[in-house]
Amino acid sequence: MQTVRDADGETYLLVKRSAESSRVRDPATGAERYVDNEELSVVDGESPLATAASGIPEPVRRTVRAVHDDRSLGLLAVVVDEGPLSAIELLDTADMCESDLHGTVTELRAAGLIDEVDVGGRRGYAATDAASEALERLRGGSSGENDRAADE
């Protein structure tokens, strides 16, 4: 597979090349179509796997990279659904020891999925817009212009 660009500057994955045309896949929709070879140019230095991933909305990619198990995904869901929450409320809610909670919160903060905020005069955490959008999409909701369902 290769990353290619058409005459309009759109990026695709090259699925199959024949003598006169090539079958390409749109990474955002998964739709395939044929394009004349003369309209395509190979994009050097761009990984086809990175191109395939580019079709997944950025907040979802960010979330997938940041959560490592159901507990960390669940923690993010609690902050999205119930937040902002103070650190004490979060500790009471989570079935994690303080050390594990701190580590997970740190990873989610580093990924830009939660922010530290003041909750009633105490340190707490709130979901970012990226986290809210990602969970909405993962739950099957629609958000944004690149929804696969909207394109079908």
C-alpha atoms as a PDB file:
ATOM      1  CA  MET A   1       0.000   0.000   0.000  1.00  0.00           C
ATOM      2  CA  GLN A   2       1.149   3.544  -0.694  1.00  0.00           C
ATOM      3  CA  THR A   3      -0.041   7.033   0.119  1.00  0.00           C
ATOM      4  CA  VAL A   4      -1.039   8.935  -3.022  1.00  0.00           C
ATOM      5  CA  ARG A   5      -2.491  12.332  -3.808  1.00  0.00           C
ATOM      6  CA  ASP A   6      -4.828  13.195  -6.668  1.00  0.00           C
ATOM      7  CA  ALA A   7      -4.825  16.304  -8.851  1.00  0.00           C
ATOM      8  CA  ASP A   8      -7.110  18.101  -6.345  1.00  0.00           C
ATOM      9  CA  GLY A   9      -4.657  17.478  -3.493  1.00  0.00           C
ATOM     10  CA  GLU A  10      -6.790  14.821  -1.780  1.00  0.00           C
ATOM     11  CA  THR A  11      -4.841  12.056  -0.027  1.00  0.00           C
ATOM     12  CA  TYR A  12      -5.731   8.390  -0.547  1.00  0.00           C
ATOM     13  CA  LEU A  13      -4.374   4.923   0.006  1.00  0.00           C
ATOM     14  CA  LEU A  14      -3.368   3.137  -3.179  1.00  0.00           C
ATOM     15  CA  VAL A  15      -5.080  -0.254  -3.078  1.00  0.00           C
ATOM     16  CA  LYS A  16      -4.309  -1.579  -6.565  1.00  0.00           C
ATOM     17  CA  ARG A  17      -2.616  -0.178  -9.640  1.00  0.00           C
ATOM     18  CA  SER A  18      -3.308  -1.354 -13.189  1.00  0.00           C
ATOM     19  CA  ALA A  19      -1.961  -0.090 -16.492  1.00  0.00           C
ATOM     20  CA  GLU A  20      -4.301   2.901 -16.838  1.00  0.00           C
ATOM     21  CA  SER A  21      -6.039   3.416 -13.513  1.00  0.00           C
ATOM     22  CA  SER A  22      -5.663   2.735  -9.822  1.00  0.00           C
ATOM     23  CA  ARG A  23      -8.104   1.796  -7.113  1.00  0.00           C
ATOM     24  CA  VAL A  24      -7.741   4.184  -4.165  1.00  0.00           C
ATOM     25  CA  ARG A  25      -9.354   4.274  -0.718  1.00  0.00           C
ATOM     26  CA  ASP A  26     -10.453   7.417   1.076  1.00  0.00           C
ATOM     27  CA  PRO A  27      -9.075   7.082   4.631  1.00  0.00           C
ATOM     28  CA  ALA A  28     -11.954   9.110   6.099  1.00  0.00           C
ATOM     29  CA  THR A  29     -14.773   7.008   4.662  1.00  0.00           C
ATOM     30  CA  GLY A  30     -13.221   3.741   3.515  1.00  0.00           C
ATOM     31  CA  ALA A  31     -14.866   4.272   0.121  1.00  0.00           C
ATOM     32  CA  GLU A  32     -12.901   3.034  -2.853  1.00  0.00           C
ATOM     33  CA  ARG A  33     -12.910   4.359  -6.404  1.00  0.00           C
ATOM     34  CA  TYR A  34     -10.849   4.231  -9.571  1.00  0.00           C
ATOM     35  CA  VAL A  35      -8.679   7.167 -10.609  1.00  0.00           C
ATOM     36  CA  ASP A  36      -6.581   7.578 -13.771  1.00  0.00           C
ATOM     37  CA  ASN A  37      -2.917   6.947 -12.990  1.00  0.00           C
ATOM     38  CA  GLU A  38      -1.904  10.252 -14.559  1.00  0.00           C
ATOM     39  CA  GLU A  39      -3.938  12.060 -11.874  1.00  0.00           C
ATOM     40  CA  LEU A  40      -2.073  10.397  -8.996  1.00  0.00           C
ATOM     41  CA  SER A  41       1.296  11.060  -7.448  1.00  0.00           C
ATOM     42  CA  VAL A  42       2.986   9.030  -4.721  1.00  0.00           C
ATOM     43  CA  VAL A  43       3.543  10.909  -1.468  1.00  0.00           C
ATOM     44  CA  ASP A  44       7.090  10.072  -0.445  1.00  0.00           C
ATOM     45  CA  GLY A  45       7.869   9.757   3.233  1.00  0.00           C
ATOM     46  CA  GLU A  46       4.268   9.408   4.397  1.00  0.00           C
ATOM     47  CA  SER A  47       3.435   6.081   5.992  1.00  0.00           C
ATOM     48  CA  PRO A  48       0.379   4.406   4.490  1.00  0.00           C
ATOM     49  CA  LEU A  49      -0.572   3.298   8.005  1.00  0.00           C
ATOM     50  CA  ALA A  50      -0.460   6.902   9.203  1.00  0.00           C
ATOM     51  CA  THR A  51      -2.609   7.834   6.202  1.00  0.00           C
ATOM     52  CA  ALA A  52      -5.106   5.092   7.107  1.00  0.00           C
ATOM     53  CA  ALA A  53      -5.231   6.375  10.694  1.00  0.00           C
ATOM     54  CA  SER A  54      -5.823   9.932   9.494  1.00  0.00           C
ATOM     55  CA  GLY A  55      -9.374   8.934   8.590  1.00  0.00           C
ATOM     56  CA  ILE A  56     -10.172   8.424  12.277  1.00  0.00           C
ATOM     57  CA  PRO A  57     -11.115  11.706  13.975  1.00  0.00           C
ATOM     58  CA  GLU A  58      -8.185  13.161  15.943  1.00  0.00           C
ATOM     59  CA  PRO A  59      -9.932  13.140  19.340  1.00  0.00           C
ATOM     60  CA  VAL A  60     -10.638   9.419  18.947  1.00  0.00           C
ATOM     61  CA  ARG A  61      -7.037   8.700  17.912  1.00  0.00           C
ATOM     62  CA  ARG A  62      -5.812  10.671  20.924  1.00  0.00           C
ATOM     63  CA  THR A  63      -8.103   8.730  23.258  1.00  0.00           C
ATOM     64  CA  VAL A  64      -7.141   5.353  21.825  1.00  0.00           C
ATOM     65  CA  ARG A  65      -3.471   6.166  22.375  1.00  0.00           C
ATOM     66  CA  ALA A  66      -4.048   7.384  25.955  1.00  0.00           C
ATOM     67  CA  VAL A  67      -6.273   4.681  27.428  1.00  0.00           C
ATOM     68  CA  HIS A  68      -4.668   1.331  28.121  1.00  0.00           C
ATOM     69  CA  ASP A  69      -7.514  -0.661  29.631  1.00  0.00           C
ATOM     70  CA  ASP A  70     -11.172  -0.535  30.591  1.00  0.00           C
ATOM     71  CA  ARG A  71     -10.415   1.158  33.898  1.00  0.00           C
ATOM     72  CA  SER A  72      -8.641   4.114  32.310  1.00  0.00           C
ATOM     73  CA  LEU A  73     -11.375   4.415  29.667  1.00  0.00           C
ATOM     74  CA  GLY A  74     -13.974   4.200  32.424  1.00  0.00           C
ATOM     75  CA  LEU A  75     -12.221   6.919  34.409  1.00  0.00           C
ATOM     76  CA  LEU A  76     -12.298   9.169  31.377  1.00  0.00           C
ATOM     77  CA  ALA A  77     -16.000   8.375  30.859  1.00  0.00           C
ATOM     78  CA  VAL A  78     -16.763   9.298  34.484  1.00  0.00           C
ATOM     79  CA  VAL A  79     -14.977  12.628  34.130  1.00  0.00           C
ATOM     80  CA  VAL A  80     -16.793  13.331  30.855  1.00  0.00           C
ATOM     81  CA  ASP A  81     -20.208  12.331  32.221  1.00  0.00           C
ATOM     82  CA  GLU A  82     -20.020  13.584  35.812  1.00  0.00           C
ATOM     83  CA  GLY A  83     -17.240  16.147  35.864  1.00  0.00           C
ATOM     84  CA  PRO A  84     -15.749  18.337  36.812  1.00  0.00           C
ATOM     85  CA  LEU A  85     -14.878  16.267  39.863  1.00  0.00           C
ATOM     86  CA  SER A  86     -12.564  17.043  42.743  1.00  0.00           C
ATOM     87  CA  ALA A  87      -9.618  14.706  43.218  1.00  0.00           C
ATOM     88  CA  ILE A  88     -11.282  13.385  46.372  1.00  0.00           C
ATOM     89  CA  GLU A  89     -14.559  12.669  44.531  1.00  0.00           C
ATOM     90  CA  LEU A  90     -12.610  10.960  41.778  1.00  0.00           C
ATOM     91  CA  LEU A  91     -10.754   8.792  44.291  1.00  0.00           C
ATOM     92  CA  ASP A  92     -14.073   7.820  45.906  1.00  0.00           C
ATOM     93  CA  THR A  93     -15.574   7.016  42.497  1.00  0.00           C
ATOM     94  CA  ALA A  94     -12.664   5.038  41.078  1.00  0.00           C
ATOM     95  CA  ASP A  95     -11.798   1.483  42.073  1.00  0.00           C
ATOM     96  CA  MET A  96      -8.111   2.407  41.935  1.00  0.00           C
ATOM     97  CA  CYS A  97      -5.549   3.042  44.592  1.00  0.00           C
ATOM     98  CA  GLU A  98      -4.337   6.616  44.852  1.00  0.00           C
ATOM     99  CA  SER A  99      -1.102   5.835  43.026  1.00  0.00           C
ATOM    100  CA  ASP A 100      -2.871   4.170  40.064  1.00  0.00           C
ATOM    101  CA  LEU A 101      -5.417   6.990  39.904  1.00  0.00           C
ATOM    102  CA  HIS A 102      -2.655   9.587  39.902  1.00  0.00           C
ATOM    103  CA  GLY A 103      -0.835   7.753  37.105  1.00  0.00           C
ATOM    104  CA  THR A 104      -3.954   7.444  34.969  1.00  0.00           C
ATOM    105  CA  VAL A 105      -4.934  11.073  35.533  1.00  0.00           C
ATOM    106  CA  THR A 106      -1.404  12.124  34.569  1.00  0.00           C
ATOM    107  CA  GLU A 107      -1.610  10.149  31.306  1.00  0.00           C
ATOM    108  CA  LEU A 108      -5.027  11.593  30.480  1.00  0.00           C
ATOM    109  CA  ARG A 109      -3.781  15.108  31.220  1.00  0.00           C
ATOM    110  CA  ALA A 110      -0.679  14.580  29.069  1.00  0.00           C
ATOM    111  CA  ALA A 111      -2.932  13.453  26.219  1.00  0.00           C
ATOM    112  CA  GLY A 112      -5.034  16.606  26.550  1.00  0.00           C
ATOM    113  CA  LEU A 113      -8.158  14.683  27.522  1.00  0.00           C
ATOM    114  CA  ILE A 114      -8.646  16.153  30.992  1.00  0.00           C
ATOM    115  CA  ASP A 115      -7.578  19.425  32.576  1.00  0.00           C
ATOM    116  CA  GLU A 116      -6.859  20.306  36.168  1.00  0.00           C
ATOM    117  CA  VAL A 117      -9.524  22.708  37.474  1.00  0.00           C
ATOM    118  CA  ASP A 118     -10.730  24.154  40.745  1.00  0.00           C
ATOM    119  CA  VAL A 119     -13.783  22.324  42.089  1.00  0.00           C
ATOM    120  CA  GLY A 120     -15.223  23.999  45.174  1.00  0.00           C
ATOM    121  CA  GLY A 121     -11.825  25.236  46.294  1.00  0.00           C
ATOM    122  CA  ARG A 122     -10.168  21.844  45.758  1.00  0.00           C
ATOM    123  CA  ARG A 123      -8.020  20.469  42.995  1.00  0.00           C
ATOM    124  CA  GLY A 124     -10.130  18.616  40.469  1.00  0.00           C
ATOM    125  CA  TYR A 125     -10.412  17.518  36.884  1.00  0.00           C
ATOM    126  CA  ALA A 126     -12.676  18.299  33.943  1.00  0.00           C
ATOM    127  CA  ALA A 127     -12.913  16.716  30.521  1.00  0.00           C
ATOM    128  CA  THR A 128     -11.619  18.628  27.540  1.00  0.00           C
ATOM    129  CA  ASP A 129     -13.705  19.127  24.414  1.00  0.00           C
ATOM    130  CA  ALA A 130     -11.546  16.493  22.691  1.00  0.00           C
ATOM    131  CA  ALA A 131     -12.437  13.901  25.355  1.00  0.00           C
ATOM    132  CA  SER A 132     -16.140  14.704  25.154  1.00  0.00           C
ATOM    133  CA  GLU A 133     -16.112  14.467  21.361  1.00  0.00           C
ATOM    134  CA  ALA A 134     -14.132  11.225  21.390  1.00  0.00           C
ATOM    135  CA  LEU A 135     -16.468   9.522  23.835  1.00  0.00           C
ATOM    136  CA  GLU A 136     -19.510  10.698  21.905  1.00  0.00           C
ATOM    137  CA  ARG A 137     -18.068   9.163  18.751  1.00  0.00           C
ATOM    138  CA  LEU A 138     -16.986   5.966  20.492  1.00  0.00           C
ATOM    139  CA  ARG A 139     -20.471   5.597  21.935  1.00  0.00           C
ATOM    140  CA  GLY A 140     -21.898   5.807  18.425  1.00  0.00           C
ATOM    141  CA  GLY A 141     -23.027   9.424  18.465  1.00  0.00           C
ATOM    142  CA  SER A 142     -22.251  11.868  15.729  1.00  0.00           C
ATOM    143  CA  SER A 143     -20.022  14.868  16.078  1.00  0.00           C
ATOM    144  CA  GLY A 144     -18.247  16.761  13.336  1.00  0.00           C
ATOM    145  CA  GLU A 145     -18.279  16.635   9.590  1.00  0.00           C
ATOM    146  CA  ASN A 146     -16.314  13.434   8.958  1.00  0.00           C
ATOM    147  CA  ASP A 147     -18.798  10.939  10.347  1.00  0.00           C
ATOM    148  CA  ARG A 148     -18.764   7.712   8.400  1.00  0.00           C
ATOM    149  CA  ALA A 149     -22.548   7.446   8.731  1.00  0.00           C
ATOM    150  CA  ALA A 150     -23.033  10.912   7.233  1.00  0.00           C
ATOM    151  CA  ASP A 151     -20.884   9.990   4.263  1.00  0.00           C
ATOM    152  CA  GLU A 152     -22.704   6.742   3.458  1.00  0.00           C
END
